[in-house]
Amino acid sequence: MTINENPMIKNGLLLGLFALCCTGLVALVNALTQDTIALQQQKQLTETLTQVIPTALHDNALFEQCILVHSPELLGSDASLPAYLAYKNQQPVAIAIEAIAPDGYNGEMKLIIGVDNNGQVLGVRTLSHQETPGLGDKIELRKSDWVTHFSGKMFNNNPEQWKVKKDGGQFDQFTGATITPRAYVKAVAKALSFVEQNRQALYQSHVKCEGNHE
């Protein structure tokens, strides 16, 4: 019996050939778009870093001055997370550090905090989350200006104030959603505490982020 006489074999070969062609096409598209994706990710990262450390404060490319830091207790993750060092005239002036709030209402929230050498928060932004639309998603700047209220706050003056108002702190909670802002503020405070304890070591670190050109 030949292949042409057996429809099952023939169909199986056709399906296999089709799958092989699809796999090759996907690989080709991925190869052709890899550089574009990388450039887009770099652009998005640069825009976010600009929001947490204003460009007027530094003269280096922040995404190129990236180090890896590790502190599960204060940064909320067992994995190492990136921190970006800002310099002005070759002098360190600020740090933008990523952190995880592991206890959000629907899981982890990833955020990034910019802070200068005096402990003043320059900016906070949400990188990713799974919080409830219309309630917990107010941690997104496009949904609410809530995250902008961290800017200008001094951490080392009164750490006890780094809570939501319901817990005796200075930050508003959301109507019908206290868990999200409570976890978020706690994560910011812990990250700021990490920076306060390790600022000089961070500026002197040689554990570079993968893909860094420094």
N, C-alpha and C. Protein backbone atom coordinates (compact mmCIF):
# COMPACT_ATOMS: atom_id res chain seq x y z
N MET A 1 0.85 -1.20 0.00
CA MET A 1 0.00 0.00 0.00
C MET A 1 0.89 1.25 0.00
N THR A 2 0.66 2.17 -0.93
CA THR A 2 1.45 3.40 -0.99
C THR A 2 0.83 4.47 -0.12
N ILE A 3 1.60 5.59 0.06
CA ILE A 3 1.11 6.70 0.87
C ILE A 3 -0.17 7.28 0.30
N ASN A 4 -0.20 7.36 -1.06
CA ASN A 4 -1.37 7.92 -1.72
C ASN A 4 -2.60 7.08 -1.50
N GLU A 5 -2.41 5.79 -1.20
CA GLU A 5 -3.53 4.90 -0.99
C GLU A 5 -4.01 4.89 0.45
N ASN A 6 -3.26 5.56 1.35
CA ASN A 6 -3.62 5.60 2.77
C ASN A 6 -3.87 7.06 3.19
N PRO A 7 -5.13 7.47 3.25
CA PRO A 7 -5.46 8.87 3.59
C PRO A 7 -4.92 9.29 4.95
N MET A 8 -4.89 8.39 5.94
CA MET A 8 -4.43 8.76 7.27
C MET A 8 -2.96 9.14 7.26
N ILE A 9 -2.15 8.35 6.54
CA ILE A 9 -0.72 8.65 6.45
C ILE A 9 -0.52 9.97 5.70
N LYS A 10 -1.25 10.13 4.62
CA LYS A 10 -1.13 11.35 3.81
C LYS A 10 -1.51 12.59 4.62
N ASN A 11 -2.62 12.50 5.34
CA ASN A 11 -3.07 13.65 6.15
C ASN A 11 -2.09 13.94 7.28
N GLY A 12 -1.53 12.86 7.84
CA GLY A 12 -0.56 13.04 8.91
C GLY A 12 0.69 13.76 8.42
N LEU A 13 1.15 13.39 7.23
CA LEU A 13 2.32 14.05 6.65
C LEU A 13 2.04 15.52 6.34
N LEU A 14 0.83 15.79 5.84
CA LEU A 14 0.45 17.16 5.53
C LEU A 14 0.38 18.02 6.80
N LEU A 15 -0.19 17.44 7.86
CA LEU A 15 -0.26 18.17 9.13
C LEU A 15 1.13 18.44 9.69
N GLY A 16 2.00 17.43 9.57
CA GLY A 16 3.37 17.59 10.05
C GLY A 16 4.10 18.68 9.28
N LEU A 17 3.91 18.69 7.96
CA LEU A 17 4.54 19.70 7.13
C LEU A 17 4.01 21.09 7.47
N PHE A 18 2.69 21.17 7.70
CA PHE A 18 2.07 22.45 8.06
C PHE A 18 2.61 22.96 9.39
N ALA A 19 2.73 22.06 10.38
CA ALA A 19 3.26 22.44 11.69
C ALA A 19 4.70 22.92 11.58
N LEU A 20 5.49 22.23 10.75
CA LEU A 20 6.89 22.61 10.55
C LEU A 20 6.99 23.99 9.93
N CYS A 21 6.14 24.27 8.94
CA CYS A 21 6.14 25.57 8.29
C CYS A 21 5.73 26.68 9.27
N CYS A 22 4.73 26.39 10.10
CA CYS A 22 4.27 27.38 11.08
C CYS A 22 5.37 27.69 12.10
N THR A 23 6.05 26.62 12.56
CA THR A 23 7.14 26.81 13.51
C THR A 23 8.25 27.66 12.91
N GLY A 24 8.58 27.38 11.66
CA GLY A 24 9.61 28.15 10.99
C GLY A 24 9.22 29.60 10.81
N LEU A 25 7.94 29.83 10.49
CA LEU A 25 7.44 31.19 10.31
C LEU A 25 7.50 31.97 11.61
N VAL A 26 7.08 31.33 12.70
CA VAL A 26 7.12 31.99 14.01
C VAL A 26 8.55 32.35 14.38
N ALA A 27 9.48 31.41 14.15
CA ALA A 27 10.89 31.67 14.46
C ALA A 27 11.43 32.82 13.62
N LEU A 28 11.03 32.87 12.35
CA LEU A 28 11.48 33.95 11.47
C LEU A 28 10.95 35.31 11.93
N VAL A 29 9.66 35.35 12.24
CA VAL A 29 9.05 36.60 12.70
C VAL A 29 9.70 37.06 14.00
N ASN A 30 9.96 36.12 14.90
CA ASN A 30 10.60 36.46 16.17
C ASN A 30 11.99 37.04 15.95
N ALA A 31 12.74 36.43 15.03
CA ALA A 31 14.09 36.92 14.73
C ALA A 31 14.05 38.31 14.12
N LEU A 32 13.07 38.55 13.24
CA LEU A 32 12.98 39.83 12.57
C LEU A 32 12.51 40.95 13.49
N THR A 33 11.71 40.61 14.50
CA THR A 33 11.14 41.63 15.38
C THR A 33 11.87 41.75 16.71
N GLN A 34 12.85 40.91 16.95
CA GLN A 34 13.54 40.89 18.25
C GLN A 34 14.17 42.24 18.58
N ASP A 35 14.86 42.83 17.61
CA ASP A 35 15.50 44.12 17.84
C ASP A 35 14.47 45.21 18.07
N THR A 36 13.37 45.16 17.31
CA THR A 36 12.32 46.16 17.48
C THR A 36 11.69 46.08 18.85
N ILE A 37 11.44 44.85 19.30
CA ILE A 37 10.86 44.64 20.63
C ILE A 37 11.81 45.17 21.71
N ALA A 38 13.11 44.87 21.56
CA ALA A 38 14.10 45.32 22.52
C ALA A 38 14.15 46.85 22.59
N LEU A 39 14.09 47.50 21.43
CA LEU A 39 14.11 48.96 21.39
C LEU A 39 12.86 49.55 22.04
N GLN A 40 11.70 48.90 21.80
CA GLN A 40 10.46 49.37 22.40
C GLN A 40 10.49 49.21 23.92
N GLN A 41 11.04 48.09 24.40
CA GLN A 41 11.15 47.87 25.84
C GLN A 41 12.09 48.90 26.47
N GLN A 42 13.19 49.19 25.77
CA GLN A 42 14.13 50.18 26.27
C GLN A 42 13.49 51.56 26.32
N LYS A 43 12.70 51.90 25.29
CA LYS A 43 12.00 53.18 25.26
C LYS A 43 11.01 53.29 26.41
N GLN A 44 10.25 52.21 26.64
CA GLN A 44 9.27 52.22 27.72
C GLN A 44 9.95 52.34 29.08
N LEU A 45 11.07 51.62 29.25
CA LEU A 45 11.82 51.70 30.50
C LEU A 45 12.35 53.11 30.72
N THR A 46 12.89 53.71 29.66
CA THR A 46 13.43 55.07 29.77
C THR A 46 12.34 56.06 30.17
N GLU A 47 11.14 55.92 29.60
CA GLU A 47 10.03 56.80 29.93
C GLU A 47 9.63 56.65 31.40
N THR A 48 9.60 55.41 31.87
CA THR A 48 9.23 55.17 33.27
C THR A 48 10.28 55.73 34.21
N LEU A 49 11.55 55.51 33.89
CA LEU A 49 12.63 56.02 34.73
C LEU A 49 12.60 57.55 34.79
N THR A 50 12.25 58.16 33.67
CA THR A 50 12.15 59.62 33.64
C THR A 50 11.07 60.12 34.58
N GLN A 51 10.03 59.32 34.78
CA GLN A 51 8.93 59.71 35.66
C GLN A 51 9.31 59.59 37.14
N VAL A 52 10.24 58.71 37.47
CA VAL A 52 10.61 58.53 38.88
C VAL A 52 11.91 59.22 39.24
N ILE A 53 12.72 59.57 38.23
CA ILE A 53 13.90 60.41 38.45
C ILE A 53 13.95 61.41 37.30
N PRO A 54 13.52 62.63 37.52
CA PRO A 54 13.48 63.63 36.45
C PRO A 54 14.83 63.82 35.78
N THR A 55 14.82 64.03 34.48
CA THR A 55 16.06 64.15 33.71
C THR A 55 16.92 65.33 34.16
N ALA A 56 16.31 66.36 34.73
CA ALA A 56 17.08 67.52 35.17
C ALA A 56 18.03 67.18 36.32
N LEU A 57 17.79 66.08 36.99
CA LEU A 57 18.60 65.74 38.16
C LEU A 57 19.83 64.92 37.82
N HIS A 58 19.92 64.38 36.60
CA HIS A 58 21.06 63.52 36.27
C HIS A 58 21.49 63.74 34.83
N ASP A 59 22.71 63.29 34.52
CA ASP A 59 23.24 63.44 33.17
C ASP A 59 23.71 62.11 32.58
N ASN A 60 23.32 60.99 33.19
CA ASN A 60 23.68 59.67 32.65
C ASN A 60 22.42 58.95 32.16
N ALA A 61 22.64 57.92 31.33
CA ALA A 61 21.53 57.09 30.86
C ALA A 61 21.21 56.06 31.93
N LEU A 62 20.08 56.20 32.58
CA LEU A 62 19.76 55.37 33.74
C LEU A 62 19.71 53.88 33.41
N PHE A 63 19.14 53.54 32.24
CA PHE A 63 19.00 52.13 31.92
C PHE A 63 20.36 51.45 31.70
N GLU A 64 21.40 52.25 31.46
CA GLU A 64 22.74 51.69 31.30
C GLU A 64 23.46 51.54 32.63
N GLN A 65 22.99 52.26 33.65
CA GLN A 65 23.63 52.20 34.98
C GLN A 65 22.74 51.38 35.90
N CYS A 66 22.63 50.10 35.57
CA CYS A 66 21.71 49.22 36.28
C CYS A 66 22.47 48.16 37.06
N ILE A 67 22.06 47.93 38.30
CA ILE A 67 22.65 46.88 39.12
C ILE A 67 21.55 45.97 39.65
N LEU A 68 21.93 44.78 40.08
CA LEU A 68 20.98 43.84 40.65
C LEU A 68 21.10 43.83 42.17
N VAL A 69 19.96 43.84 42.84
CA VAL A 69 19.94 43.84 44.30
C VAL A 69 19.04 42.70 44.78
N HIS A 70 19.32 42.27 45.99
CA HIS A 70 18.58 41.10 46.51
C HIS A 70 18.25 41.31 47.98
N SER A 71 16.98 41.31 48.29
CA SER A 71 16.53 41.43 49.67
C SER A 71 15.08 40.99 49.74
N PRO A 72 14.82 39.69 49.88
CA PRO A 72 13.43 39.19 49.92
C PRO A 72 12.59 39.88 50.98
N GLU A 73 13.18 40.20 52.12
CA GLU A 73 12.42 40.80 53.22
C GLU A 73 11.96 42.22 52.89
N LEU A 74 12.84 43.02 52.28
CA LEU A 74 12.52 44.42 52.05
C LEU A 74 12.04 44.73 50.63
N LEU A 75 12.40 43.87 49.67
CA LEU A 75 11.99 44.13 48.29
C LEU A 75 10.89 43.19 47.82
N GLY A 76 10.52 42.24 48.66
CA GLY A 76 9.34 41.42 48.38
C GLY A 76 9.51 40.32 47.37
N SER A 77 10.75 39.97 47.00
CA SER A 77 10.96 38.94 45.99
C SER A 77 12.20 38.12 46.31
N ASP A 78 12.11 36.81 46.05
CA ASP A 78 13.28 35.95 46.21
C ASP A 78 14.29 36.17 45.09
N ALA A 79 13.84 36.73 43.99
CA ALA A 79 14.72 36.99 42.85
C ALA A 79 15.42 38.34 43.03
N SER A 80 16.55 38.50 42.37
CA SER A 80 17.23 39.79 42.36
C SER A 80 16.45 40.76 41.49
N LEU A 81 16.41 42.02 41.90
CA LEU A 81 15.67 43.05 41.19
C LEU A 81 16.61 44.18 40.76
N PRO A 82 16.25 44.88 39.70
CA PRO A 82 17.13 45.95 39.22
C PRO A 82 16.98 47.25 40.00
N ALA A 83 18.11 47.94 40.11
CA ALA A 83 18.14 49.30 40.64
C ALA A 83 18.94 50.14 39.66
N TYR A 84 18.50 51.36 39.44
CA TYR A 84 19.13 52.24 38.45
C TYR A 84 19.74 53.43 39.17
N LEU A 85 21.00 53.70 38.88
CA LEU A 85 21.76 54.72 39.59
C LEU A 85 21.84 56.00 38.76
N ALA A 86 21.48 57.11 39.38
CA ALA A 86 21.51 58.40 38.71
C ALA A 86 22.74 59.18 39.17
N TYR A 87 23.45 59.77 38.18
CA TYR A 87 24.64 60.56 38.46
C TYR A 87 24.53 61.93 37.82
N LYS A 88 25.12 62.92 38.48
CA LYS A 88 25.22 64.27 37.94
C LYS A 88 26.67 64.72 38.11
N ASN A 89 27.33 65.02 37.00
CA ASN A 89 28.75 65.37 37.05
C ASN A 89 29.56 64.30 37.76
N GLN A 90 29.21 63.06 37.46
CA GLN A 90 29.90 61.86 37.99
C GLN A 90 29.68 61.66 39.48
N GLN A 91 28.75 62.38 40.07
CA GLN A 91 28.42 62.21 41.49
C GLN A 91 27.05 61.55 41.62
N PRO A 92 26.91 60.53 42.48
CA PRO A 92 25.62 59.85 42.65
C PRO A 92 24.60 60.77 43.29
N VAL A 93 23.41 60.81 42.70
CA VAL A 93 22.39 61.73 43.22
C VAL A 93 21.07 61.05 43.58
N ALA A 94 20.78 59.89 42.97
CA ALA A 94 19.49 59.26 43.24
C ALA A 94 19.50 57.80 42.78
N ILE A 95 18.51 57.07 43.25
CA ILE A 95 18.37 55.66 42.90
C ILE A 95 16.91 55.37 42.57
N ALA A 96 16.70 54.62 41.50
CA ALA A 96 15.37 54.09 41.19
C ALA A 96 15.43 52.58 41.37
N ILE A 97 14.58 52.06 42.23
CA ILE A 97 14.66 50.65 42.57
C ILE A 97 13.30 49.97 42.39
N GLU A 98 13.33 48.79 41.82
CA GLU A 98 12.10 48.01 41.66
C GLU A 98 11.82 47.23 42.94
N ALA A 99 10.55 46.99 43.20
CA ALA A 99 10.14 46.23 44.38
C ALA A 99 8.83 45.51 44.07
N ILE A 100 8.54 44.52 44.88
CA ILE A 100 7.30 43.75 44.74
C ILE A 100 6.47 43.90 46.01
N ALA A 101 5.19 44.20 45.81
CA ALA A 101 4.23 44.11 46.92
C ALA A 101 3.55 42.75 46.78
N PRO A 102 3.94 41.76 47.59
CA PRO A 102 3.45 40.40 47.40
C PRO A 102 2.04 40.16 47.89
N ASP A 103 1.50 41.11 48.64
CA ASP A 103 0.22 40.88 49.32
C ASP A 103 -0.90 41.78 48.79
N GLY A 104 -0.91 42.01 47.49
CA GLY A 104 -2.04 42.74 46.91
C GLY A 104 -3.31 41.91 46.97
N TYR A 105 -4.42 42.51 46.67
CA TYR A 105 -5.71 41.81 46.77
C TYR A 105 -5.76 40.62 45.82
N ASN A 106 -5.20 40.78 44.62
CA ASN A 106 -5.22 39.70 43.63
C ASN A 106 -3.82 39.19 43.29
N GLY A 107 -2.87 39.40 44.18
CA GLY A 107 -1.53 38.89 43.93
C GLY A 107 -0.47 39.99 43.96
N GLU A 108 0.64 39.71 43.33
CA GLU A 108 1.79 40.61 43.37
C GLU A 108 1.54 41.89 42.57
N MET A 109 2.13 42.97 43.08
CA MET A 109 2.19 44.24 42.36
C MET A 109 3.66 44.62 42.24
N LYS A 110 4.09 44.92 41.03
CA LYS A 110 5.48 45.35 40.82
C LYS A 110 5.51 46.86 40.66
N LEU A 111 6.41 47.51 41.36
CA LEU A 111 6.51 48.95 41.30
C LEU A 111 7.95 49.41 41.25
N ILE A 112 8.16 50.68 40.97
CA ILE A 112 9.50 51.25 40.95
C ILE A 112 9.45 52.59 41.67
N ILE A 113 10.48 52.83 42.49
CA ILE A 113 10.53 54.01 43.35
C ILE A 113 11.81 54.78 43.07
N GLY A 114 11.71 56.08 42.88
CA GLY A 114 12.88 56.94 42.75
C GLY A 114 13.08 57.73 44.03
N VAL A 115 14.31 57.76 44.55
CA VAL A 115 14.57 58.46 45.81
C VAL A 115 15.96 59.10 45.74
N ASP A 116 16.07 60.33 46.26
CA ASP A 116 17.36 61.00 46.22
C ASP A 116 18.17 60.68 47.47
N ASN A 117 19.34 61.30 47.59
CA ASN A 117 20.25 60.98 48.69
C ASN A 117 19.79 61.52 50.04
N ASN A 118 18.76 62.36 50.03
CA ASN A 118 18.21 62.89 51.27
C ASN A 118 17.02 62.09 51.77
N GLY A 119 16.66 61.05 51.02
CA GLY A 119 15.50 60.25 51.41
C GLY A 119 14.19 60.81 50.91
N GLN A 120 14.25 61.76 49.98
CA GLN A 120 13.03 62.31 49.41
C GLN A 120 12.60 61.50 48.19
N VAL A 121 11.34 61.12 48.19
CA VAL A 121 10.80 60.35 47.07
C VAL A 121 10.63 61.27 45.87
N LEU A 122 11.19 60.84 44.74
CA LEU A 122 11.11 61.62 43.51
C LEU A 122 9.94 61.18 42.63
N GLY A 123 9.53 59.93 42.81
CA GLY A 123 8.42 59.42 42.02
C GLY A 123 8.20 57.94 42.27
N VAL A 124 6.99 57.48 42.09
CA VAL A 124 6.62 56.06 42.21
C VAL A 124 5.71 55.72 41.04
N ARG A 125 5.93 54.58 40.44
CA ARG A 125 5.07 54.12 39.35
C ARG A 125 4.82 52.62 39.47
N THR A 126 3.68 52.19 38.99
CA THR A 126 3.31 50.78 38.98
C THR A 126 3.77 50.17 37.66
N LEU A 127 4.48 49.05 37.74
CA LEU A 127 4.97 48.37 36.54
C LEU A 127 4.02 47.27 36.09
N SER A 128 3.43 46.56 37.04
CA SER A 128 2.47 45.51 36.70
C SER A 128 1.65 45.15 37.93
N HIS A 129 0.44 44.64 37.69
CA HIS A 129 -0.44 44.25 38.79
C HIS A 129 -1.62 43.47 38.22
N GLN A 130 -2.41 42.89 39.13
CA GLN A 130 -3.61 42.16 38.74
C GLN A 130 -4.80 42.60 39.60
N GLU A 131 -4.75 43.83 40.09
CA GLU A 131 -5.80 44.29 41.00
C GLU A 131 -7.12 44.52 40.27
N THR A 132 -8.19 44.56 41.03
CA THR A 132 -9.54 44.62 40.49
C THR A 132 -9.81 45.92 39.73
N PRO A 133 -10.24 45.83 38.48
CA PRO A 133 -10.58 47.03 37.71
C PRO A 133 -11.65 47.86 38.42
N GLY A 134 -11.43 49.17 38.46
CA GLY A 134 -12.39 50.06 39.09
C GLY A 134 -12.19 50.24 40.58
N LEU A 135 -11.35 49.40 41.18
CA LEU A 135 -11.07 49.51 42.62
C LEU A 135 -9.55 49.59 42.84
N GLY A 136 -8.92 48.44 42.83
CA GLY A 136 -7.49 48.39 43.09
C GLY A 136 -6.62 48.94 41.98
N ASP A 137 -7.17 49.07 40.77
CA ASP A 137 -6.34 49.54 39.67
C ASP A 137 -6.08 51.04 39.72
N LYS A 138 -6.50 51.70 40.79
CA LYS A 138 -6.18 53.12 40.95
C LYS A 138 -4.70 53.34 41.24
N ILE A 139 -3.94 52.27 41.38
CA ILE A 139 -2.49 52.38 41.51
C ILE A 139 -1.84 52.69 40.16
N GLU A 140 -2.61 52.61 39.08
CA GLU A 140 -2.12 52.98 37.76
C GLU A 140 -2.30 54.48 37.56
N LEU A 141 -1.27 55.13 37.03
CA LEU A 141 -1.34 56.57 36.82
C LEU A 141 -2.44 56.94 35.82
N ARG A 142 -2.68 56.08 34.83
CA ARG A 142 -3.70 56.40 33.84
C ARG A 142 -5.12 56.26 34.39
N LYS A 143 -5.25 55.66 35.58
CA LYS A 143 -6.56 55.52 36.20
C LYS A 143 -6.78 56.52 37.34
N SER A 144 -5.68 56.95 37.96
CA SER A 144 -5.78 57.83 39.13
C SER A 144 -4.43 58.50 39.38
N ASP A 145 -4.45 59.64 40.06
CA ASP A 145 -3.19 60.31 40.40
C ASP A 145 -2.67 59.88 41.77
N TRP A 146 -3.21 58.81 42.31
CA TRP A 146 -2.86 58.37 43.66
C TRP A 146 -1.36 58.17 43.84
N VAL A 147 -0.68 57.55 42.86
CA VAL A 147 0.75 57.27 43.02
C VAL A 147 1.58 58.55 43.05
N THR A 148 1.05 59.65 42.54
CA THR A 148 1.82 60.90 42.53
C THR A 148 1.94 61.50 43.93
N HIS A 149 1.13 61.04 44.86
CA HIS A 149 1.16 61.60 46.21
C HIS A 149 2.37 61.15 47.01
N PHE A 150 3.13 60.21 46.49
CA PHE A 150 4.38 59.82 47.15
C PHE A 150 5.48 60.86 46.89
N SER A 151 5.41 61.52 45.75
CA SER A 151 6.47 62.45 45.35
C SER A 151 6.62 63.58 46.37
N GLY A 152 7.86 63.86 46.73
CA GLY A 152 8.15 64.93 47.68
C GLY A 152 8.13 64.50 49.13
N LYS A 153 7.62 63.30 49.40
CA LYS A 153 7.57 62.81 50.77
C LYS A 153 8.98 62.41 51.24
N MET A 154 9.27 62.68 52.51
CA MET A 154 10.55 62.30 53.10
C MET A 154 10.36 61.04 53.93
N PHE A 155 11.12 60.01 53.61
CA PHE A 155 10.96 58.75 54.33
C PHE A 155 11.59 58.79 55.71
N ASN A 156 12.79 59.34 55.80
CA ASN A 156 13.54 59.23 57.06
C ASN A 156 13.06 60.18 58.14
N ASN A 157 12.12 61.08 57.83
CA ASN A 157 11.61 61.98 58.87
C ASN A 157 10.68 61.26 59.84
N ASN A 158 9.77 60.46 59.28
CA ASN A 158 8.78 59.79 60.13
C ASN A 158 8.29 58.52 59.44
N PRO A 159 9.07 57.43 59.50
CA PRO A 159 8.67 56.18 58.84
C PRO A 159 7.32 55.66 59.30
N GLU A 160 6.92 55.99 60.52
CA GLU A 160 5.64 55.49 61.04
C GLU A 160 4.45 56.05 60.26
N GLN A 161 4.65 57.14 59.55
CA GLN A 161 3.57 57.74 58.77
C GLN A 161 3.38 57.05 57.42
N TRP A 162 4.25 56.09 57.12
CA TRP A 162 4.16 55.42 55.82
C TRP A 162 3.18 54.25 55.88
N LYS A 163 1.93 54.64 56.07
CA LYS A 163 0.80 53.72 56.12
C LYS A 163 -0.41 54.44 55.54
N VAL A 164 -1.48 53.70 55.26
CA VAL A 164 -2.71 54.35 54.85
C VAL A 164 -3.36 55.01 56.07
N LYS A 165 -4.22 55.97 55.82
CA LYS A 165 -4.82 56.73 56.92
C LYS A 165 -5.62 55.84 57.86
N LYS A 166 -6.19 54.78 57.33
CA LYS A 166 -6.97 53.87 58.17
C LYS A 166 -6.09 53.21 59.23
N ASP A 167 -4.78 53.11 58.94
CA ASP A 167 -3.84 52.51 59.88
C ASP A 167 -3.02 53.56 60.63
N GLY A 168 -3.44 54.82 60.52
CA GLY A 168 -2.75 55.89 61.24
C GLY A 168 -1.68 56.59 60.44
N GLY A 169 -1.61 56.34 59.13
CA GLY A 169 -0.59 56.95 58.30
C GLY A 169 -1.10 58.16 57.53
N GLN A 170 -0.36 58.53 56.47
CA GLN A 170 -0.65 59.77 55.75
C GLN A 170 -1.21 59.55 54.34
N PHE A 171 -1.38 58.29 53.93
CA PHE A 171 -1.81 58.03 52.55
C PHE A 171 -3.27 57.58 52.48
N ASP A 172 -3.97 58.12 51.51
CA ASP A 172 -5.38 57.76 51.32
C ASP A 172 -5.52 56.30 50.91
N GLN A 173 -6.57 55.66 51.41
CA GLN A 173 -6.95 54.36 50.89
C GLN A 173 -8.02 54.56 49.82
N PHE A 174 -8.36 53.50 49.11
CA PHE A 174 -9.39 53.60 48.08
C PHE A 174 -10.74 53.24 48.68
N THR A 175 -11.78 53.87 48.19
CA THR A 175 -13.12 53.53 48.63
C THR A 175 -13.43 52.09 48.25
N GLY A 176 -13.69 51.25 49.24
CA GLY A 176 -14.02 49.85 49.00
C GLY A 176 -12.82 48.97 48.71
N ALA A 177 -11.61 49.52 48.85
CA ALA A 177 -10.42 48.71 48.54
C ALA A 177 -9.23 49.20 49.36
N THR A 178 -9.14 48.72 50.58
CA THR A 178 -8.03 49.14 51.46
C THR A 178 -6.82 48.23 51.30
N ILE A 179 -7.04 46.96 50.96
CA ILE A 179 -5.94 46.00 50.91
C ILE A 179 -4.88 46.42 49.90
N THR A 180 -5.31 46.87 48.73
CA THR A 180 -4.36 47.24 47.68
C THR A 180 -3.46 48.40 48.10
N PRO A 181 -4.00 49.56 48.50
CA PRO A 181 -3.11 50.66 48.89
C PRO A 181 -2.28 50.35 50.13
N ARG A 182 -2.83 49.56 51.04
CA ARG A 182 -2.06 49.19 52.24
C ARG A 182 -0.82 48.39 51.85
N ALA A 183 -1.00 47.42 50.97
CA ALA A 183 0.14 46.60 50.53
C ALA A 183 1.12 47.44 49.72
N TYR A 184 0.60 48.35 48.93
CA TYR A 184 1.43 49.19 48.07
C TYR A 184 2.31 50.12 48.91
N VAL A 185 1.70 50.82 49.85
CA VAL A 185 2.45 51.74 50.70
C VAL A 185 3.51 50.99 51.50
N LYS A 186 3.15 49.82 52.01
CA LYS A 186 4.11 49.02 52.77
C LYS A 186 5.30 48.63 51.91
N ALA A 187 5.05 48.27 50.64
CA ALA A 187 6.13 47.89 49.74
C ALA A 187 7.04 49.08 49.45
N VAL A 188 6.46 50.25 49.25
CA VAL A 188 7.26 51.45 49.02
C VAL A 188 8.12 51.75 50.23
N ALA A 189 7.52 51.67 51.42
CA ALA A 189 8.26 51.96 52.65
C ALA A 189 9.41 50.98 52.85
N LYS A 190 9.18 49.72 52.58
CA LYS A 190 10.24 48.72 52.75
C LYS A 190 11.38 48.96 51.74
N ALA A 191 11.02 49.31 50.52
CA ALA A 191 12.04 49.58 49.51
C ALA A 191 12.87 50.80 49.90
N LEU A 192 12.22 51.82 50.42
CA LEU A 192 12.93 53.01 50.87
C LEU A 192 13.84 52.69 52.05
N SER A 193 13.38 51.82 52.91
CA SER A 193 14.21 51.38 54.03
C SER A 193 15.45 50.65 53.53
N PHE A 194 15.27 49.82 52.50
CA PHE A 194 16.41 49.11 51.91
C PHE A 194 17.44 50.09 51.36
N VAL A 195 16.96 51.11 50.66
CA VAL A 195 17.88 52.11 50.10
C VAL A 195 18.60 52.85 51.21
N GLU A 196 17.88 53.25 52.26
CA GLU A 196 18.49 53.96 53.37
C GLU A 196 19.61 53.14 54.01
N GLN A 197 19.40 51.84 54.13
CA GLN A 197 20.37 50.97 54.77
C GLN A 197 21.56 50.62 53.88
N ASN A 198 21.38 50.74 52.56
CA ASN A 198 22.39 50.22 51.65
C ASN A 198 22.84 51.21 50.57
N ARG A 199 22.56 52.50 50.76
CA ARG A 199 22.81 53.47 49.70
C ARG A 199 24.25 53.44 49.18
N GLN A 200 25.21 53.53 50.07
CA GLN A 200 26.61 53.56 49.64
C GLN A 200 27.02 52.26 48.96
N ALA A 201 26.55 51.14 49.49
CA ALA A 201 26.87 49.84 48.89
C ALA A 201 26.26 49.73 47.49
N LEU A 202 25.08 50.32 47.31
CA LEU A 202 24.44 50.29 46.00
C LEU A 202 25.26 51.07 44.98
N TYR A 203 25.74 52.24 45.37
CA TYR A 203 26.53 53.05 44.45
C TYR A 203 27.86 52.38 44.10
N GLN A 204 28.33 51.51 44.97
CA GLN A 204 29.61 50.85 44.75
C GLN A 204 29.46 49.43 44.20
N SER A 205 28.23 49.00 43.95
CA SER A 205 27.99 47.63 43.52
C SER A 205 28.54 47.36 42.14
N HIS A 206 29.01 46.11 41.94
CA HIS A 206 29.51 45.68 40.64
C HIS A 206 28.65 44.56 40.05
N VAL A 207 27.49 44.29 40.67
CA VAL A 207 26.60 43.25 40.17
C VAL A 207 25.68 43.88 39.13
N LYS A 208 26.11 43.87 37.89
CA LYS A 208 25.39 44.57 36.84
C LYS A 208 24.20 43.76 36.34
N CYS A 209 23.21 44.48 35.85
CA CYS A 209 22.06 43.84 35.22
C CYS A 209 22.47 43.20 33.91
N GLU A 210 21.79 42.11 33.55
CA GLU A 210 22.06 41.43 32.30
C GLU A 210 21.79 42.36 31.13
N GLY A 211 22.72 42.40 30.20
CA GLY A 211 22.56 43.23 29.03
C GLY A 211 23.04 44.65 29.22
N ASN A 212 23.51 45.00 30.43
CA ASN A 212 24.01 46.33 30.67
C ASN A 212 25.34 46.54 29.93
N HIS A 213 25.54 47.72 29.39
CA HIS A 213 26.73 47.99 28.59
C HIS A 213 27.87 48.57 29.41
N GLU A 214 27.64 48.79 30.68
CA GLU A 214 28.70 49.39 31.51
C GLU A 214 29.79 48.36 31.81
